[in-house]
N, C-alpha and C. Protein backbone atom coordinates (compact mmCIF):
# COMPACT_ATOMS: atom_id res chain seq x y z
N THR A 1 1.05 -1.28 0.22
CA THR A 1 0.05 -0.12 0.04
C THR A 1 0.96 1.48 -0.11
N LYS A 2 0.74 1.88 -1.02
CA LYS A 2 1.36 3.24 -0.90
C LYS A 2 0.49 4.74 -0.13
N PRO A 3 1.32 5.57 0.47
CA PRO A 3 0.68 6.50 1.05
C PRO A 3 0.15 7.43 0.06
N VAL A 4 -0.86 8.10 0.26
CA VAL A 4 -1.47 9.11 -0.17
C VAL A 4 -1.27 10.51 0.30
N GLU A 5 -0.98 11.45 -0.41
CA GLU A 5 -0.54 12.79 0.09
C GLU A 5 -1.66 13.73 -0.73
N PHE A 6 -2.23 14.64 0.00
CA PHE A 6 -2.96 15.62 -0.49
C PHE A 6 -2.80 16.90 -0.01
N ARG A 7 -3.55 17.55 -0.42
CA ARG A 7 -3.50 19.14 0.13
C ARG A 7 -4.71 19.65 -0.24
N LEU A 8 -5.05 20.12 0.96
CA LEU A 8 -6.38 21.30 1.10
C LEU A 8 -6.28 22.26 0.27
N VAL A 9 -7.28 22.77 -0.43
CA VAL A 9 -6.88 24.10 -1.24
C VAL A 9 -8.37 24.70 -1.00
N PRO A 10 -8.40 25.93 -0.46
CA PRO A 10 -9.84 26.79 -0.39
C PRO A 10 -9.96 27.13 -1.49
N ASN A 11 -11.61 27.57 -1.43
CA ASN A 11 -12.26 28.05 -2.53
C ASN A 11 -11.64 29.49 -2.95
N SER A 12 -11.79 30.12 -3.89
CA SER A 12 -11.11 31.57 -3.97
C SER A 12 -12.17 32.68 -3.24
N LYS A 13 -13.21 32.24 -3.42
CA LYS A 13 -14.23 32.85 -2.33
C LYS A 13 -14.44 32.91 -1.14
N ASP A 14 -14.19 31.96 -0.51
CA ASP A 14 -13.83 31.55 0.88
C ASP A 14 -12.31 32.26 1.53
N LEU A 15 -11.50 32.29 0.57
CA LEU A 15 -10.20 32.72 0.79
C LEU A 15 -10.31 34.27 0.56
N MET A 16 -11.07 35.12 -0.01
CA MET A 16 -11.19 36.20 0.07
C MET A 16 -12.04 36.68 1.06
N GLY A 17 -12.85 36.07 1.18
CA GLY A 17 -13.89 36.37 2.55
C GLY A 17 -13.20 36.21 3.75
N ALA A 18 -12.34 35.45 3.83
CA ALA A 18 -11.34 34.89 5.21
C ALA A 18 -10.34 36.25 5.30
N ARG A 19 -9.52 36.80 4.37
CA ARG A 19 -8.98 37.98 4.10
C ARG A 19 -9.47 39.11 4.55
N ILE A 20 -10.97 39.21 3.73
CA ILE A 20 -11.49 40.56 4.35
C ILE A 20 -11.91 40.44 5.77
N LEU A 21 -12.28 39.19 6.38
CA LEU A 21 -12.63 39.30 7.67
C LEU A 21 -11.23 39.50 8.76
N THR A 22 -10.38 39.07 8.40
CA THR A 22 -9.20 39.21 9.37
C THR A 22 -8.61 40.81 9.32
N GLY A 23 -8.98 41.22 8.15
CA GLY A 23 -8.41 42.79 7.89
C GLY A 23 -9.47 43.80 8.20
N LEU A 24 -10.41 43.59 8.69
CA LEU A 24 -11.71 44.25 9.27
C LEU A 24 -11.26 44.98 10.52
N LYS A 25 -11.01 46.25 10.88
CA LYS A 25 -10.72 46.80 12.13
C LYS A 25 -12.10 46.55 13.25
N PRO A 26 -12.03 47.15 14.35
CA PRO A 26 -13.62 46.89 14.93
C PRO A 26 -14.46 47.88 14.54
N GLY A 27 -13.95 49.21 14.06
CA GLY A 27 -15.41 50.12 13.81
C GLY A 27 -15.66 49.98 12.22
N ASP A 28 -14.49 49.31 11.66
CA ASP A 28 -15.30 48.94 9.93
C ASP A 28 -16.57 48.37 9.94
N VAL A 29 -16.69 47.31 11.31
CA VAL A 29 -18.37 46.61 11.00
C VAL A 29 -19.21 47.57 10.92
N ASP A 30 -19.47 48.49 11.98
CA ASP A 30 -20.63 49.09 11.96
C ASP A 30 -20.59 50.24 10.54
N GLU A 31 -19.19 50.69 10.28
CA GLU A 31 -19.41 51.51 9.08
C GLU A 31 -19.83 50.88 7.83
N LEU A 32 -19.43 49.61 7.57
CA LEU A 32 -19.85 48.66 6.55
C LEU A 32 -21.33 48.63 6.58
N LYS A 33 -21.89 48.20 7.91
CA LYS A 33 -23.29 47.86 7.95
C LYS A 33 -24.20 49.06 7.56
N GLU A 34 -23.48 50.13 7.99
CA GLU A 34 -24.10 51.55 7.48
C GLU A 34 -24.10 51.99 6.36
N ALA A 35 -22.94 51.67 5.50
CA ALA A 35 -22.70 51.61 4.39
C ALA A 35 -23.57 50.83 3.00
N ILE A 36 -24.13 49.74 3.65
CA ILE A 36 -24.63 48.94 2.97
C ILE A 36 -26.38 49.14 3.29
N GLU A 37 -26.64 49.49 4.42
CA GLU A 37 -27.94 50.03 4.86
C GLU A 37 -28.24 51.68 3.73
N THR A 38 -27.46 52.59 3.60
CA THR A 38 -27.58 53.45 3.21
C THR A 38 -28.22 53.75 2.11
N PRO A 39 -27.99 53.36 1.03
CA PRO A 39 -26.80 52.30 0.49
C PRO A 39 -25.77 53.42 -0.07
N ASP A 40 -24.62 53.27 0.20
CA ASP A 40 -23.44 54.02 -0.30
C ASP A 40 -22.11 52.86 -0.65
N ALA A 41 -22.35 52.37 -1.85
CA ALA A 41 -21.61 51.52 -2.51
C ALA A 41 -20.51 51.85 -2.57
N PRO A 42 -19.76 52.96 -2.84
CA PRO A 42 -18.32 53.53 -2.93
C PRO A 42 -17.72 53.41 -1.62
N LYS A 43 -18.67 53.68 -0.63
CA LYS A 43 -18.09 53.89 0.72
C LYS A 43 -17.56 52.27 1.34
N ALA A 44 -18.99 51.02 0.91
CA ALA A 44 -18.66 50.12 1.20
C ALA A 44 -17.66 49.11 0.50
N VAL A 45 -17.25 49.90 -0.80
CA VAL A 45 -16.35 48.83 -1.75
C VAL A 45 -14.81 49.55 -1.12
N SER A 46 -14.69 50.86 -0.66
CA SER A 46 -13.68 51.00 0.05
C SER A 46 -13.14 50.25 1.43
N ILE A 47 -14.44 50.20 2.38
CA ILE A 47 -13.93 49.41 3.26
C ILE A 47 -13.64 48.25 2.82
N ILE A 48 -14.04 47.34 2.37
CA ILE A 48 -13.87 46.18 1.76
C ILE A 48 -12.57 45.72 1.15
N GLN A 49 -12.03 47.00 0.39
CA GLN A 49 -10.56 46.84 -0.23
C GLN A 49 -10.06 47.15 0.96
N SER A 50 -10.07 48.20 1.54
CA SER A 50 -8.85 48.30 2.73
C SER A 50 -8.83 47.32 3.52
N ALA A 51 -9.60 46.60 3.89
CA ALA A 51 -9.73 45.50 4.63
C ALA A 51 -8.99 44.08 4.21
N ALA A 52 -9.20 43.86 2.66
CA ALA A 52 -8.61 43.06 1.86
C ALA A 52 -7.09 43.38 1.64
N ASN A 53 -6.58 44.80 1.89
CA ASN A 53 -5.32 44.98 1.49
C ASN A 53 -4.54 44.81 2.74
N GLU A 54 -5.09 45.02 3.83
CA GLU A 54 -4.36 45.42 5.25
C GLU A 54 -4.76 44.08 6.13
N ALA A 55 -4.93 42.99 5.58
CA ALA A 55 -5.23 41.80 6.11
C ALA A 55 -3.89 40.95 6.04
N ASN A 56 -3.56 40.31 7.30
CA ASN A 56 -2.21 39.76 7.38
C ASN A 56 -2.03 38.21 6.86
N GLY A 57 -3.51 37.75 6.93
CA GLY A 57 -3.33 36.49 6.70
C GLY A 57 -4.05 36.18 5.03
N PHE A 58 -4.12 34.89 4.73
CA PHE A 58 -4.74 34.44 3.80
C PHE A 58 -4.53 35.11 2.31
N THR A 59 -3.26 35.43 2.19
CA THR A 59 -2.77 36.27 1.34
C THR A 59 -2.52 35.31 0.13
N ASN A 60 -2.20 33.83 0.23
CA ASN A 60 -1.99 33.11 -0.57
C ASN A 60 -2.72 32.06 -1.01
N ALA A 61 -2.80 31.28 -1.90
CA ALA A 61 -3.95 30.01 -2.13
C ALA A 61 -3.53 28.82 -1.62
N PHE A 62 -2.26 28.96 -0.80
CA PHE A 62 -2.04 27.48 -0.25
C PHE A 62 -1.47 27.74 1.13
N ASN A 63 -1.21 26.87 1.81
CA ASN A 63 -0.68 27.08 2.89
C ASN A 63 -1.84 27.51 4.44
N GLU A 64 -2.79 27.89 3.85
CA GLU A 64 -3.53 28.58 4.90
C GLU A 64 -5.31 28.41 4.39
N ILE A 65 -5.91 27.73 5.32
CA ILE A 65 -7.01 27.37 5.25
C ILE A 65 -8.18 27.87 6.10
N PRO A 66 -9.21 28.53 5.70
CA PRO A 66 -10.16 29.34 6.58
C PRO A 66 -10.75 28.35 7.08
N CYS A 67 -11.08 28.65 8.47
CA CYS A 67 -12.34 27.90 9.00
C CYS A 67 -13.42 28.82 9.32
N PHE A 68 -14.55 28.83 9.18
CA PHE A 68 -15.70 29.64 9.70
C PHE A 68 -16.51 28.81 10.45
N ALA A 69 -17.35 29.89 11.58
CA ALA A 69 -18.27 29.22 12.43
C ALA A 69 -19.19 30.25 12.72
N ILE A 70 -20.32 30.11 13.44
CA ILE A 70 -21.19 31.00 13.94
C ILE A 70 -21.33 30.81 15.25
N SER A 71 -20.86 31.70 16.03
CA SER A 71 -21.00 31.74 17.61
C SER A 71 -22.19 31.00 18.06
N GLN A 72 -23.22 31.73 17.49
CA GLN A 72 -24.57 31.24 18.18
C GLN A 72 -25.18 29.84 17.80
N MET A 73 -24.40 29.33 17.18
CA MET A 73 -24.63 28.10 16.69
C MET A 73 -24.00 26.88 17.57
N ARG A 74 -24.19 26.86 18.73
CA ARG A 74 -23.71 25.76 19.76
C ARG A 74 -24.70 24.45 19.22
N VAL A 75 -23.86 23.31 19.09
CA VAL A 75 -24.46 21.90 19.27
C VAL A 75 -24.19 20.97 20.65
N ARG A 76 -25.01 20.01 20.95
CA ARG A 76 -24.47 18.92 21.77
C ARG A 76 -24.93 17.96 21.48
N ARG A 77 -24.13 17.19 21.87
CA ARG A 77 -24.51 15.41 21.80
C ARG A 77 -26.24 14.87 22.16
N LYS A 78 -26.33 13.85 22.08
CA LYS A 78 -27.63 13.52 22.30
C LYS A 78 -27.78 12.22 22.97
N ASN A 79 -28.53 11.73 23.97
CA ASN A 79 -28.53 10.54 24.27
C ASN A 79 -29.22 9.32 23.53
N GLU A 80 -29.71 8.45 23.68
CA GLU A 80 -30.56 7.25 23.21
C GLU A 80 -31.65 7.95 23.32
N ALA A 81 -32.26 8.86 23.98
CA ALA A 81 -33.53 9.32 24.27
C ALA A 81 -33.69 10.47 23.61
N GLY A 82 -32.88 11.15 23.26
CA GLY A 82 -32.71 12.26 22.11
C GLY A 82 -32.70 13.60 23.22
N GLU A 83 -31.90 13.50 24.47
CA GLU A 83 -31.65 14.50 25.17
C GLU A 83 -30.36 14.50 24.85
N PRO A 84 -30.33 16.30 25.33
CA PRO A 84 -28.90 16.86 24.79
C PRO A 84 -27.84 16.60 25.93
N ILE A 85 -26.74 16.07 25.85
CA ILE A 85 -25.58 15.66 27.15
C ILE A 85 -24.31 16.04 26.65
N GLY A 86 -23.40 16.36 27.57
CA GLY A 86 -22.32 17.17 27.41
C GLY A 86 -22.02 18.63 27.14
N GLU A 87 -20.98 19.07 27.09
CA GLU A 87 -20.82 20.60 26.55
C GLU A 87 -20.87 20.76 25.63
N PRO A 88 -21.54 21.81 25.12
CA PRO A 88 -21.75 22.55 23.86
C PRO A 88 -20.30 22.62 22.95
N MET A 89 -20.74 22.45 21.87
CA MET A 89 -19.76 22.28 21.07
C MET A 89 -20.08 23.29 19.69
N LEU A 90 -18.83 23.90 19.14
CA LEU A 90 -18.83 24.96 18.19
C LEU A 90 -18.23 24.37 17.18
N PRO A 91 -19.47 23.89 15.91
CA PRO A 91 -19.07 23.40 14.54
C PRO A 91 -17.98 24.44 13.96
N PHE A 92 -17.12 23.87 12.88
CA PHE A 92 -16.14 24.88 12.41
C PHE A 92 -16.35 23.97 10.89
N HIS A 93 -16.40 25.24 9.99
CA HIS A 93 -16.82 24.56 8.35
C HIS A 93 -15.43 25.44 7.80
N LEU A 94 -15.45 24.35 6.79
CA LEU A 94 -14.03 24.76 5.59
C LEU A 94 -14.69 25.88 4.51
N SER A 95 -16.01 26.11 4.46
CA SER A 95 -16.38 26.90 3.42
C SER A 95 -17.58 27.49 4.09
N THR A 96 -17.86 28.89 3.49
CA THR A 96 -19.11 29.40 3.89
C THR A 96 -20.45 28.82 3.50
N LYS A 97 -20.16 28.17 2.41
CA LYS A 97 -21.27 27.51 1.78
C LYS A 97 -22.07 26.40 2.90
N THR A 98 -21.08 25.50 3.00
CA THR A 98 -21.44 24.49 4.19
C THR A 98 -22.12 25.10 5.30
N MET A 99 -21.16 26.27 5.93
CA MET A 99 -21.65 27.05 6.96
C MET A 99 -23.18 27.72 6.82
N SER A 100 -23.37 28.31 5.50
CA SER A 100 -24.77 28.86 5.68
C SER A 100 -25.56 27.78 5.65
N ASP A 101 -25.37 26.77 5.10
CA ASP A 101 -26.10 25.12 4.86
C ASP A 101 -26.56 24.99 6.38
N THR A 102 -25.43 24.83 6.81
CA THR A 102 -25.70 24.31 8.36
C THR A 102 -26.63 25.19 9.29
N TRP A 103 -26.16 26.69 8.92
CA TRP A 103 -26.97 27.76 9.78
C TRP A 103 -28.37 27.61 9.30
N ASN A 104 -29.06 27.49 8.15
CA ASN A 104 -30.26 27.35 7.47
C ASN A 104 -30.77 26.08 8.08
N GLU A 105 -30.04 25.00 8.26
CA GLU A 105 -30.95 23.84 8.43
C GLU A 105 -31.08 24.23 10.25
N PHE A 106 -30.21 24.64 10.72
CA PHE A 106 -30.18 24.99 12.53
C PHE A 106 -31.40 25.85 12.75
N THR A 107 -31.26 26.78 12.06
CA THR A 107 -32.57 27.61 12.55
C THR A 107 -33.80 27.26 12.26
N THR A 108 -34.25 26.23 11.12
CA THR A 108 -35.45 25.39 10.93
C THR A 108 -35.70 24.96 11.95
N HIS A 109 -34.69 24.00 12.63
CA HIS A 109 -34.97 22.87 13.92
C HIS A 109 -34.66 23.50 14.99
N ALA A 110 -34.22 24.46 15.24
CA ALA A 110 -34.13 24.99 16.72
C ALA A 110 -35.12 25.50 17.49
N PRO A 111 -35.41 25.53 18.50
CA PRO A 111 -36.16 26.29 19.33
C PRO A 111 -36.08 27.72 19.29
N GLN A 112 -36.94 28.55 19.30
CA GLN A 112 -36.53 29.94 19.60
C GLN A 112 -36.21 30.17 20.73
């Protein structure tokens, strides 16, 4: 049996999303939200471009794999009776698509 070597390569959309998220400063989030709601497209684009340019990570298409999570989406194991047991766990995703699909599934089945 020969060993198998492989490399994880992130989707370019997810890589750019991670670059933008890591480049945002604390005040940028509120400014970006305001620019989107106003709508002020040039300001929003400027904030996003600035964040992408100032990011320290996710600048190469290799050796860095972004992980995405939603802090409100905690899960717990269930016993045979279907009751939650153990400590809450935070699922991590390797793509924003699987994260949003999981979030949509979570919100349809989670109690309010």
